[in-house]
Amino acid sequence: MKNFSTETYVVDDNFQDTITWLLQHQDCFDELRFDVLTQELTVIHAAGTDIIRAGQFLNARYGILVTSL
């Protein structure tokens, strides 16, 4: 079972889990978008806009969302 309250998360193929983790850390981003047609998850945060993909490392420490490439 995944712990969605941790400050770090590795994105897998299950977007539902990733969205659940992001919703636990809503203070770290401004907007969350999911495009049903392209199956693309986009997060807008203080450092810009990121498309979230499987394999990425997400970090919610320090009150900002940091993503790996």
C-alpha atoms as a PDB file:
ATOM      1  CA  MET A   1       0.000   0.000   0.000  1.00  0.00           C
ATOM      2  CA  LYS A   2       1.322   3.438  -0.954  1.00  0.00           C
ATOM      3  CA  ASN A   3       1.779   6.234   1.557  1.00  0.00           C
ATOM      4  CA  PHE A   4       0.440   9.389  -0.103  1.00  0.00           C
ATOM      5  CA  SER A   5       1.420  11.673   2.774  1.00  0.00           C
ATOM      6  CA  THR A   6       5.176  11.321   2.151  1.00  0.00           C
ATOM      7  CA  GLU A   7       7.002  14.369   0.807  1.00  0.00           C
ATOM      8  CA  THR A   8       8.430  12.456  -2.167  1.00  0.00           C
ATOM      9  CA  TYR A   9       6.802  10.243  -4.768  1.00  0.00           C
ATOM     10  CA  VAL A  10       7.860   8.326  -7.869  1.00  0.00           C
ATOM     11  CA  VAL A  11       5.237   8.487 -10.620  1.00  0.00           C
ATOM     12  CA  ASP A  12       4.110   5.142 -12.016  1.00  0.00           C
ATOM     13  CA  ASP A  13       1.588   4.174 -14.688  1.00  0.00           C
ATOM     14  CA  ASN A  14      -1.338   4.623 -12.292  1.00  0.00           C
ATOM     15  CA  PHE A  15      -2.402   8.270 -12.727  1.00  0.00           C
ATOM     16  CA  GLN A  16      -5.020   7.851 -10.023  1.00  0.00           C
ATOM     17  CA  ASP A  17      -2.276   7.282  -7.431  1.00  0.00           C
ATOM     18  CA  THR A  18      -0.295  10.263  -8.710  1.00  0.00           C
ATOM     19  CA  ILE A  19      -3.350  12.518  -8.543  1.00  0.00           C
ATOM     20  CA  THR A  20      -4.077  11.244  -5.023  1.00  0.00           C
ATOM     21  CA  TRP A  21      -0.503  12.086  -3.955  1.00  0.00           C
ATOM     22  CA  LEU A  22      -0.731  15.552  -5.551  1.00  0.00           C
ATOM     23  CA  LEU A  23      -4.044  16.242  -3.811  1.00  0.00           C
ATOM     24  CA  GLN A  24      -2.354  15.472  -0.481  1.00  0.00           C
ATOM     25  CA  HIS A  25       0.138  18.253  -1.315  1.00  0.00           C
ATOM     26  CA  GLN A  26      -2.137  20.921  -2.811  1.00  0.00           C
ATOM     27  CA  ASP A  27      -0.163  23.700  -1.147  1.00  0.00           C
ATOM     28  CA  CYS A  28       2.752  22.953  -3.519  1.00  0.00           C
ATOM     29  CA  PHE A  29       1.068  23.782  -6.819  1.00  0.00           C
ATOM     30  CA  ASP A  30      -1.453  26.188  -8.282  1.00  0.00           C
ATOM     31  CA  GLU A  31      -3.310  24.081 -10.836  1.00  0.00           C
ATOM     32  CA  LEU A  32      -3.685  20.441 -11.850  1.00  0.00           C
ATOM     33  CA  ARG A  33      -4.975  19.430 -15.299  1.00  0.00           C
ATOM     34  CA  PHE A  34      -5.699  16.018 -16.762  1.00  0.00           C
ATOM     35  CA  ASP A  35      -6.421  15.747 -20.483  1.00  0.00           C
ATOM     36  CA  VAL A  36      -8.635  12.713 -21.029  1.00  0.00           C
ATOM     37  CA  LEU A  37      -7.905  12.501 -24.762  1.00  0.00           C
ATOM     38  CA  THR A  38      -4.106  12.552 -24.506  1.00  0.00           C
ATOM     39  CA  GLN A  39      -3.960  11.031 -20.991  1.00  0.00           C
ATOM     40  CA  GLU A  40      -1.608  13.862 -20.054  1.00  0.00           C
ATOM     41  CA  LEU A  41      -1.292  15.164 -16.510  1.00  0.00           C
ATOM     42  CA  THR A  42      -0.060  18.766 -16.221  1.00  0.00           C
ATOM     43  CA  VAL A  43       0.827  20.655 -13.048  1.00  0.00           C
ATOM     44  CA  ILE A  44       1.283  24.418 -12.849  1.00  0.00           C
ATOM     45  CA  HIS A  45       3.404  25.530  -9.899  1.00  0.00           C
ATOM     46  CA  ALA A  46       5.749  28.318  -8.741  1.00  0.00           C
ATOM     47  CA  ALA A  47       8.606  27.152 -10.989  1.00  0.00           C
ATOM     48  CA  GLY A  48       6.444  26.828 -14.121  1.00  0.00           C
ATOM     49  CA  THR A  49       4.458  24.083 -15.836  1.00  0.00           C
ATOM     50  CA  ASP A  50       5.363  20.400 -15.925  1.00  0.00           C
ATOM     51  CA  ILE A  51       3.893  17.431 -17.740  1.00  0.00           C
ATOM     52  CA  ILE A  52       3.946  14.551 -15.280  1.00  0.00           C
ATOM     53  CA  ARG A  53       5.106  11.230 -16.729  1.00  0.00           C
ATOM     54  CA  ALA A  54       5.772   7.744 -15.364  1.00  0.00           C
ATOM     55  CA  GLY A  55       9.227   7.454 -13.819  1.00  0.00           C
ATOM     56  CA  GLN A  56       9.433  11.062 -12.646  1.00  0.00           C
ATOM     57  CA  PHE A  57      10.388  11.910  -9.087  1.00  0.00           C
ATOM     58  CA  LEU A  58       8.144  14.435  -7.320  1.00  0.00           C
ATOM     59  CA  ASN A  59       9.222  16.334  -4.227  1.00  0.00           C
ATOM     60  CA  ALA A  60       6.861  18.448  -2.092  1.00  0.00           C
ATOM     61  CA  ARG A  61       9.445  19.581   0.467  1.00  0.00           C
ATOM     62  CA  TYR A  62       9.864  23.261   1.285  1.00  0.00           C
ATOM     63  CA  GLY A  63       6.305  24.082   0.165  1.00  0.00           C
ATOM     64  CA  ILE A  64       7.035  23.961  -3.567  1.00  0.00           C
ATOM     65  CA  LEU A  65       6.659  21.147  -6.064  1.00  0.00           C
ATOM     66  CA  VAL A  66       9.922  20.000  -7.596  1.00  0.00           C
ATOM     67  CA  THR A  67       9.830  17.510 -10.489  1.00  0.00           C
ATOM     68  CA  SER A  68      12.571  15.565 -12.208  1.00  0.00           C
ATOM     69  CA  LEU A  69      12.909  15.483 -15.964  1.00  0.00           C
END
